[in-house]
Amino acid sequence: MSLDLRDLLSRAQSHAAALGHFERINTHEPKNPPGYGLSAAIWVQRVTPVRTSGLTSTTVRVELGVRLYSPVDVGDPDGIDPNLIAAADALMAAYSGDFELGGAVRQVDLLGAHGEPMDAQAGYLEQDGTTFRVITIALPLVINDLWEQAP
């Protein structure tokens, strides 16, 4: 078995797309400003073996970064955080509700059984002169028996 990152990114992207909150959803961390409106980007952040691995195979924790972007120089600044939080809340609820991402993973590690739990952190990001209010979600996924261990 091997890590099918394209499939994991696609499944995480599908949840975001189904919500209808986003103008665009990238499956990479953008190098340029993502544009106006609410945007999302999903990428792999970390890959780590976990202690619940068996004697012949390695279970892996894959952490995806899911960042939500809203430019700060638009319309009503008082609406930026509520819109971002509504999108983050809906997205985290979707990941919680599809605990196995359609059977692709053992679990979304909601409570941090194998590291840090799923969480969201707000901040600001400047790209090419554009300032964005962002919320970055750490989406930890646990995949059983991903790599075979040699004797």
N, C-alpha and C. Protein backbone atom coordinates (compact mmCIF):
# COMPACT_ATOMS: atom_id res chain seq x y z
N MET A 1 0.85 -1.17 0.00
CA MET A 1 0.00 0.00 0.00
C MET A 1 0.89 1.24 0.00
N SER A 2 0.43 2.32 -0.56
CA SER A 2 1.20 3.55 -0.55
C SER A 2 0.26 4.72 -0.22
N LEU A 3 0.86 5.83 0.13
CA LEU A 3 0.11 7.03 0.48
C LEU A 3 -0.46 7.65 -0.79
N ASP A 4 -1.78 7.66 -0.90
CA ASP A 4 -2.45 8.25 -2.06
C ASP A 4 -2.88 9.66 -1.68
N LEU A 5 -1.93 10.57 -1.73
CA LEU A 5 -2.19 11.94 -1.31
C LEU A 5 -3.24 12.62 -2.18
N ARG A 6 -3.23 12.35 -3.47
CA ARG A 6 -4.22 12.97 -4.36
C ARG A 6 -5.64 12.61 -3.92
N ASP A 7 -5.84 11.37 -3.51
CA ASP A 7 -7.16 10.94 -3.07
C ASP A 7 -7.55 11.65 -1.77
N LEU A 8 -6.64 11.74 -0.81
CA LEU A 8 -6.94 12.42 0.46
C LEU A 8 -7.26 13.89 0.22
N LEU A 9 -6.46 14.56 -0.62
CA LEU A 9 -6.71 15.97 -0.93
C LEU A 9 -8.06 16.15 -1.61
N SER A 10 -8.37 15.24 -2.53
CA SER A 10 -9.64 15.31 -3.25
C SER A 10 -10.82 15.13 -2.30
N ARG A 11 -10.71 14.20 -1.36
CA ARG A 11 -11.79 13.97 -0.41
C ARG A 11 -11.98 15.18 0.52
N ALA A 12 -10.86 15.74 0.98
CA ALA A 12 -10.96 16.94 1.83
C ALA A 12 -11.52 18.11 1.04
N GLN A 13 -11.14 18.23 -0.22
CA GLN A 13 -11.64 19.29 -1.09
C GLN A 13 -13.14 19.11 -1.35
N SER A 14 -13.59 17.89 -1.53
CA SER A 14 -15.01 17.62 -1.78
C SER A 14 -15.89 18.11 -0.63
N HIS A 15 -15.43 17.92 0.59
CA HIS A 15 -16.18 18.40 1.74
C HIS A 15 -16.30 19.93 1.69
N ALA A 16 -15.20 20.59 1.37
CA ALA A 16 -15.21 22.04 1.30
C ALA A 16 -16.13 22.53 0.17
N ALA A 17 -16.06 21.88 -0.97
CA ALA A 17 -16.87 22.29 -2.13
C ALA A 17 -18.36 22.10 -1.85
N ALA A 18 -18.71 21.05 -1.14
CA ALA A 18 -20.12 20.75 -0.87
C ALA A 18 -20.78 21.80 0.02
N LEU A 19 -19.99 22.56 0.74
CA LEU A 19 -20.54 23.55 1.67
C LEU A 19 -21.04 24.81 0.98
N GLY A 20 -20.48 25.12 -0.18
CA GLY A 20 -20.90 26.31 -0.91
C GLY A 20 -20.39 27.63 -0.34
N HIS A 21 -19.41 27.60 0.54
CA HIS A 21 -18.88 28.82 1.15
C HIS A 21 -17.77 29.47 0.33
N PHE A 22 -17.11 28.70 -0.54
CA PHE A 22 -15.84 29.14 -1.12
C PHE A 22 -15.95 29.48 -2.61
N GLU A 23 -15.23 30.54 -2.99
CA GLU A 23 -15.13 30.94 -4.39
C GLU A 23 -14.18 30.00 -5.14
N ARG A 24 -13.15 29.53 -4.43
CA ARG A 24 -12.16 28.63 -5.02
C ARG A 24 -11.56 27.78 -3.92
N ILE A 25 -11.13 26.56 -4.32
CA ILE A 25 -10.51 25.64 -3.37
C ILE A 25 -9.31 25.02 -4.08
N ASN A 26 -8.12 25.32 -3.59
CA ASN A 26 -6.88 24.76 -4.15
C ASN A 26 -6.47 23.53 -3.38
N THR A 27 -5.83 22.60 -4.05
CA THR A 27 -5.23 21.46 -3.34
C THR A 27 -3.71 21.64 -3.30
N HIS A 28 -3.31 22.86 -3.02
CA HIS A 28 -1.92 23.22 -2.78
C HIS A 28 -1.92 24.54 -2.00
N GLU A 29 -0.81 24.81 -1.36
CA GLU A 29 -0.68 26.09 -0.66
C GLU A 29 -0.28 27.13 -1.71
N PRO A 30 -1.13 28.13 -1.95
CA PRO A 30 -0.86 29.06 -3.05
C PRO A 30 0.36 29.95 -2.80
N LYS A 31 1.08 30.20 -3.87
CA LYS A 31 2.24 31.10 -3.81
C LYS A 31 1.83 32.55 -4.07
N ASN A 32 0.64 32.74 -4.66
CA ASN A 32 0.11 34.07 -4.98
C ASN A 32 -1.18 34.29 -4.20
N PRO A 33 -1.59 35.54 -4.06
CA PRO A 33 -2.87 35.79 -3.37
C PRO A 33 -4.00 35.02 -4.06
N PRO A 34 -4.84 34.35 -3.28
CA PRO A 34 -5.88 33.52 -3.89
C PRO A 34 -7.02 34.29 -4.54
N GLY A 35 -7.14 35.60 -4.35
CA GLY A 35 -8.20 36.36 -4.98
C GLY A 35 -9.23 36.82 -3.96
N TYR A 36 -10.26 37.48 -4.49
CA TYR A 36 -11.30 38.02 -3.62
C TYR A 36 -12.37 36.98 -3.36
N GLY A 37 -13.13 37.21 -2.31
CA GLY A 37 -14.09 36.22 -1.87
C GLY A 37 -13.41 35.26 -0.91
N LEU A 38 -14.16 34.34 -0.40
CA LEU A 38 -13.63 33.36 0.54
C LEU A 38 -12.99 32.22 -0.24
N SER A 39 -11.73 31.93 0.08
CA SER A 39 -10.96 30.89 -0.60
C SER A 39 -10.50 29.86 0.41
N ALA A 40 -10.19 28.67 -0.08
CA ALA A 40 -9.62 27.61 0.75
C ALA A 40 -8.45 26.98 0.01
N ALA A 41 -7.49 26.51 0.78
CA ALA A 41 -6.36 25.78 0.23
C ALA A 41 -6.09 24.59 1.14
N ILE A 42 -5.77 23.45 0.54
CA ILE A 42 -5.53 22.21 1.29
C ILE A 42 -4.21 21.62 0.81
N TRP A 43 -3.35 21.25 1.75
CA TRP A 43 -2.05 20.68 1.40
C TRP A 43 -1.60 19.74 2.51
N VAL A 44 -0.60 18.92 2.21
CA VAL A 44 -0.05 18.04 3.24
C VAL A 44 0.92 18.85 4.09
N GLN A 45 0.79 18.70 5.40
CA GLN A 45 1.63 19.42 6.34
C GLN A 45 2.69 18.51 6.96
N ARG A 46 2.27 17.29 7.29
CA ARG A 46 3.18 16.39 8.02
C ARG A 46 2.73 14.95 7.83
N VAL A 47 3.71 14.03 7.79
CA VAL A 47 3.44 12.60 7.73
C VAL A 47 4.28 11.95 8.83
N THR A 48 3.61 11.21 9.74
CA THR A 48 4.29 10.66 10.91
C THR A 48 3.80 9.24 11.21
N PRO A 49 4.69 8.26 11.40
CA PRO A 49 4.25 6.94 11.89
C PRO A 49 3.65 7.08 13.29
N VAL A 50 2.70 6.20 13.62
CA VAL A 50 2.09 6.25 14.95
C VAL A 50 2.37 4.96 15.71
N ARG A 51 2.22 5.03 17.00
CA ARG A 51 2.59 3.92 17.88
C ARG A 51 1.64 2.73 17.80
N THR A 52 0.48 2.90 17.22
CA THR A 52 -0.44 1.76 17.12
C THR A 52 -0.14 0.89 15.92
N SER A 53 1.02 1.09 15.31
CA SER A 53 1.43 0.25 14.19
C SER A 53 1.60 -1.18 14.66
N GLY A 54 1.40 -2.13 13.74
CA GLY A 54 1.54 -3.54 14.07
C GLY A 54 2.99 -3.99 13.98
N LEU A 55 3.17 -5.30 14.02
CA LEU A 55 4.51 -5.88 13.95
C LEU A 55 5.03 -5.94 12.52
N THR A 56 4.14 -5.92 11.53
CA THR A 56 4.56 -6.05 10.14
C THR A 56 4.19 -4.86 9.27
N SER A 57 3.49 -3.89 9.84
CA SER A 57 3.09 -2.73 9.03
C SER A 57 3.08 -1.47 9.88
N THR A 58 3.16 -0.34 9.21
CA THR A 58 3.22 0.95 9.88
C THR A 58 1.95 1.74 9.60
N THR A 59 1.29 2.14 10.68
CA THR A 59 0.14 3.03 10.59
C THR A 59 0.68 4.45 10.62
N VAL A 60 0.06 5.33 9.84
CA VAL A 60 0.61 6.67 9.64
C VAL A 60 -0.44 7.74 9.94
N ARG A 61 0.02 8.83 10.51
CA ARG A 61 -0.80 10.02 10.72
C ARG A 61 -0.40 11.04 9.66
N VAL A 62 -1.35 11.43 8.83
CA VAL A 62 -1.12 12.44 7.80
C VAL A 62 -1.88 13.68 8.22
N GLU A 63 -1.15 14.78 8.40
CA GLU A 63 -1.81 16.02 8.77
C GLU A 63 -1.93 16.91 7.54
N LEU A 64 -3.17 17.25 7.22
CA LEU A 64 -3.42 18.20 6.14
C LEU A 64 -3.61 19.59 6.74
N GLY A 65 -3.08 20.58 6.06
CA GLY A 65 -3.35 21.97 6.41
C GLY A 65 -4.51 22.43 5.53
N VAL A 66 -5.50 23.02 6.14
CA VAL A 66 -6.66 23.55 5.41
C VAL A 66 -6.77 25.02 5.81
N ARG A 67 -6.41 25.91 4.89
CA ARG A 67 -6.43 27.33 5.23
C ARG A 67 -7.56 28.04 4.50
N LEU A 68 -8.32 28.81 5.25
CA LEU A 68 -9.41 29.61 4.72
C LEU A 68 -8.93 31.06 4.67
N TYR A 69 -9.14 31.73 3.54
CA TYR A 69 -8.64 33.07 3.30
C TYR A 69 -9.78 34.04 3.01
N SER A 70 -9.68 35.23 3.58
CA SER A 70 -10.59 36.32 3.23
C SER A 70 -9.78 37.60 3.19
N PRO A 71 -9.78 38.33 2.06
CA PRO A 71 -9.04 39.59 2.02
C PRO A 71 -9.64 40.58 3.01
N VAL A 72 -8.79 41.38 3.65
CA VAL A 72 -9.28 42.30 4.68
C VAL A 72 -9.71 43.64 4.11
N ASP A 73 -9.41 43.93 2.85
CA ASP A 73 -9.71 45.24 2.29
C ASP A 73 -11.01 45.27 1.48
N VAL A 74 -11.98 44.49 1.90
CA VAL A 74 -13.25 44.44 1.18
C VAL A 74 -14.41 44.78 2.10
N GLY A 75 -15.42 45.42 1.54
CA GLY A 75 -16.71 45.63 2.20
C GLY A 75 -16.67 45.90 3.68
N ASP A 76 -17.44 45.11 4.40
CA ASP A 76 -17.65 45.27 5.84
C ASP A 76 -16.62 44.48 6.64
N PRO A 77 -15.64 45.15 7.27
CA PRO A 77 -14.65 44.42 8.04
C PRO A 77 -15.24 43.64 9.22
N ASP A 78 -16.40 44.09 9.72
CA ASP A 78 -17.04 43.37 10.83
C ASP A 78 -17.61 42.02 10.38
N GLY A 79 -17.75 41.81 9.09
CA GLY A 79 -18.29 40.55 8.59
C GLY A 79 -17.24 39.51 8.27
N ILE A 80 -15.96 39.91 8.28
CA ILE A 80 -14.89 38.98 7.88
C ILE A 80 -14.81 37.79 8.83
N ASP A 81 -14.63 38.05 10.12
CA ASP A 81 -14.49 36.94 11.07
C ASP A 81 -15.75 36.07 11.14
N PRO A 82 -16.95 36.64 11.23
CA PRO A 82 -18.13 35.77 11.25
C PRO A 82 -18.23 34.87 10.00
N ASN A 83 -17.89 35.41 8.82
CA ASN A 83 -17.93 34.58 7.61
C ASN A 83 -16.88 33.47 7.65
N LEU A 84 -15.68 33.81 8.09
CA LEU A 84 -14.62 32.79 8.19
C LEU A 84 -14.98 31.72 9.23
N ILE A 85 -15.48 32.15 10.37
CA ILE A 85 -15.84 31.19 11.42
C ILE A 85 -16.98 30.29 10.97
N ALA A 86 -17.95 30.86 10.26
CA ALA A 86 -19.06 30.03 9.76
C ALA A 86 -18.53 28.96 8.80
N ALA A 87 -17.61 29.34 7.92
CA ALA A 87 -17.04 28.37 6.98
C ALA A 87 -16.19 27.33 7.71
N ALA A 88 -15.37 27.78 8.68
CA ALA A 88 -14.53 26.84 9.44
C ALA A 88 -15.39 25.88 10.25
N ASP A 89 -16.43 26.40 10.88
CA ASP A 89 -17.34 25.57 11.67
C ASP A 89 -17.99 24.50 10.79
N ALA A 90 -18.50 24.91 9.63
CA ALA A 90 -19.16 23.96 8.73
C ALA A 90 -18.17 22.91 8.22
N LEU A 91 -16.95 23.35 7.93
CA LEU A 91 -15.94 22.42 7.42
C LEU A 91 -15.50 21.43 8.49
N MET A 92 -15.27 21.91 9.70
CA MET A 92 -14.88 21.01 10.79
C MET A 92 -16.02 20.05 11.13
N ALA A 93 -17.25 20.51 11.05
CA ALA A 93 -18.40 19.62 11.27
C ALA A 93 -18.46 18.55 10.18
N ALA A 94 -18.17 18.93 8.94
CA ALA A 94 -18.18 17.96 7.83
C ALA A 94 -17.09 16.90 8.03
N TYR A 95 -15.89 17.32 8.45
CA TYR A 95 -14.81 16.36 8.69
C TYR A 95 -15.14 15.47 9.90
N SER A 96 -15.80 16.04 10.90
CA SER A 96 -16.21 15.23 12.06
C SER A 96 -17.28 14.23 11.68
N GLY A 97 -18.19 14.64 10.81
CA GLY A 97 -19.30 13.78 10.40
C GLY A 97 -18.89 12.66 9.47
N ASP A 98 -17.81 12.86 8.71
CA ASP A 98 -17.30 11.81 7.83
C ASP A 98 -15.99 11.34 8.43
N PHE A 99 -16.10 10.70 9.57
CA PHE A 99 -14.98 10.32 10.43
C PHE A 99 -13.92 9.50 9.72
N GLU A 100 -14.30 8.76 8.65
CA GLU A 100 -13.35 7.92 7.92
C GLU A 100 -13.08 8.45 6.51
N LEU A 101 -13.49 9.66 6.22
CA LEU A 101 -13.35 10.24 4.88
C LEU A 101 -13.76 9.25 3.80
N GLY A 102 -14.94 8.72 3.95
CA GLY A 102 -15.47 7.79 2.96
C GLY A 102 -14.72 6.47 2.91
N GLY A 103 -14.11 6.07 3.99
CA GLY A 103 -13.40 4.80 4.06
C GLY A 103 -11.93 4.88 3.68
N ALA A 104 -11.42 6.08 3.41
CA ALA A 104 -10.02 6.24 3.00
C ALA A 104 -9.05 6.21 4.18
N VAL A 105 -9.55 6.50 5.38
CA VAL A 105 -8.68 6.55 6.56
C VAL A 105 -9.35 5.81 7.72
N ARG A 106 -8.53 5.45 8.70
CA ARG A 106 -9.11 4.83 9.90
C ARG A 106 -9.95 5.85 10.65
N GLN A 107 -9.42 7.09 10.73
CA GLN A 107 -10.15 8.11 11.46
C GLN A 107 -9.57 9.49 11.19
N VAL A 108 -10.43 10.48 11.29
CA VAL A 108 -9.97 11.85 11.49
C VAL A 108 -9.65 11.91 12.98
N ASP A 109 -8.43 12.25 13.31
CA ASP A 109 -8.00 12.22 14.72
C ASP A 109 -8.50 13.46 15.45
N LEU A 110 -9.83 13.49 15.65
CA LEU A 110 -10.51 14.65 16.22
C LEU A 110 -9.95 15.07 17.57
N LEU A 111 -9.69 14.10 18.42
CA LEU A 111 -9.32 14.40 19.80
C LEU A 111 -7.83 14.22 20.09
N GLY A 112 -7.04 13.91 19.08
CA GLY A 112 -5.60 13.82 19.26
C GLY A 112 -5.11 12.54 19.88
N ALA A 113 -5.68 11.41 19.52
CA ALA A 113 -5.20 10.13 20.03
C ALA A 113 -3.77 9.85 19.59
N HIS A 114 -3.34 10.43 18.47
CA HIS A 114 -2.01 10.16 17.92
C HIS A 114 -1.24 11.44 17.63
N GLY A 115 -1.42 12.43 18.46
CA GLY A 115 -0.75 13.72 18.26
C GLY A 115 -1.73 14.84 18.56
N GLU A 116 -1.50 15.98 17.97
CA GLU A 116 -2.39 17.11 18.19
C GLU A 116 -3.75 16.84 17.56
N PRO A 117 -4.83 17.28 18.21
CA PRO A 117 -6.17 17.07 17.65
C PRO A 117 -6.45 18.02 16.49
N MET A 118 -7.56 17.78 15.82
CA MET A 118 -8.00 18.72 14.81
C MET A 118 -8.23 20.06 15.53
N ASP A 119 -7.73 21.12 14.93
CA ASP A 119 -7.96 22.44 15.52
C ASP A 119 -7.93 23.50 14.44
N ALA A 120 -8.31 24.70 14.83
CA ALA A 120 -8.31 25.83 13.92
C ALA A 120 -7.68 27.02 14.62
N GLN A 121 -6.84 27.73 13.89
CA GLN A 121 -6.18 28.90 14.46
C GLN A 121 -6.31 30.06 13.49
N ALA A 122 -6.72 31.20 14.02
CA ALA A 122 -6.90 32.41 13.21
C ALA A 122 -5.62 33.24 13.21
N GLY A 123 -5.47 34.04 12.16
CA GLY A 123 -4.33 34.93 12.06
C GLY A 123 -4.46 35.79 10.82
N TYR A 124 -3.36 36.42 10.47
CA TYR A 124 -3.29 37.25 9.27
C TYR A 124 -2.14 36.75 8.41
N LEU A 125 -2.28 36.91 7.12
CA LEU A 125 -1.25 36.49 6.17
C LEU A 125 -1.15 37.56 5.10
N GLU A 126 0.07 37.98 4.80
CA GLU A 126 0.27 38.94 3.72
C GLU A 126 0.95 38.23 2.55
N GLN A 127 0.35 38.37 1.37
CA GLN A 127 0.91 37.81 0.15
C GLN A 127 0.88 38.86 -0.94
N ASP A 128 2.05 39.17 -1.47
CA ASP A 128 2.17 40.12 -2.57
C ASP A 128 1.39 41.41 -2.32
N GLY A 129 1.51 41.95 -1.12
CA GLY A 129 0.88 43.22 -0.80
C GLY A 129 -0.59 43.14 -0.42
N THR A 130 -1.17 41.95 -0.43
CA THR A 130 -2.57 41.78 -0.03
C THR A 130 -2.60 41.12 1.34
N THR A 131 -3.37 41.70 2.26
CA THR A 131 -3.50 41.13 3.60
C THR A 131 -4.78 40.31 3.67
N PHE A 132 -4.66 39.11 4.21
CA PHE A 132 -5.78 38.20 4.37
C PHE A 132 -5.98 37.88 5.84
N ARG A 133 -7.22 37.77 6.24
CA ARG A 133 -7.57 37.16 7.52
C ARG A 133 -7.68 35.68 7.19
N VAL A 134 -7.04 34.83 7.97
CA VAL A 134 -7.03 33.40 7.68
C VAL A 134 -7.41 32.60 8.91
N ILE A 135 -7.95 31.45 8.66
CA ILE A 135 -8.11 30.42 9.69
C ILE A 135 -7.47 29.17 9.11
N THR A 136 -6.51 28.61 9.84
CA THR A 136 -5.83 27.41 9.39
C THR A 136 -6.27 26.24 10.25
N ILE A 137 -6.82 25.24 9.60
CA ILE A 137 -7.29 24.03 10.28
C ILE A 137 -6.22 22.95 10.12
N ALA A 138 -5.84 22.34 11.23
CA ALA A 138 -4.99 21.15 11.19
C ALA A 138 -5.93 19.96 11.13
N LEU A 139 -5.86 19.21 10.03
CA LEU A 139 -6.74 18.06 9.82
C LEU A 139 -5.92 16.78 9.89
N PRO A 140 -5.84 16.14 11.07
CA PRO A 140 -5.04 14.92 11.22
C PRO A 140 -5.84 13.68 10.81
N LEU A 141 -5.23 12.88 9.95
CA LEU A 141 -5.85 11.66 9.45
C LEU A 141 -4.97 10.47 9.81
N VAL A 142 -5.58 9.40 10.27
CA VAL A 142 -4.83 8.19 10.62
C VAL A 142 -5.16 7.11 9.60
N ILE A 143 -4.11 6.55 8.99
CA ILE A 143 -4.27 5.53 7.95
C ILE A 143 -3.62 4.24 8.44
N ASN A 144 -4.41 3.18 8.55
CA ASN A 144 -3.91 1.88 9.01
C ASN A 144 -2.98 1.23 7.99
N ASP A 145 -1.96 0.57 8.49
CA ASP A 145 -1.13 -0.35 7.71
C ASP A 145 -0.70 0.22 6.36
N LEU A 146 -0.17 1.42 6.36
CA LEU A 146 0.20 2.07 5.11
C LEU A 146 1.48 1.49 4.52
N TRP A 147 2.47 1.24 5.36
CA TRP A 147 3.75 0.75 4.87
C TRP A 147 4.08 -0.60 5.47
N GLU A 148 4.57 -1.49 4.66
CA GLU A 148 5.00 -2.82 5.12
C GLU A 148 6.37 -2.68 5.77
N GLN A 149 6.56 -3.39 6.89
CA GLN A 149 7.85 -3.39 7.56
C GLN A 149 8.62 -4.64 7.17
N ALA A 150 9.86 -4.46 6.83
CA ALA A 150 10.69 -5.61 6.44
C ALA A 150 11.20 -6.33 7.68
N PRO A 151 11.28 -7.66 7.62
CA PRO A 151 11.79 -8.41 8.78
C PRO A 151 13.25 -8.21 9.00
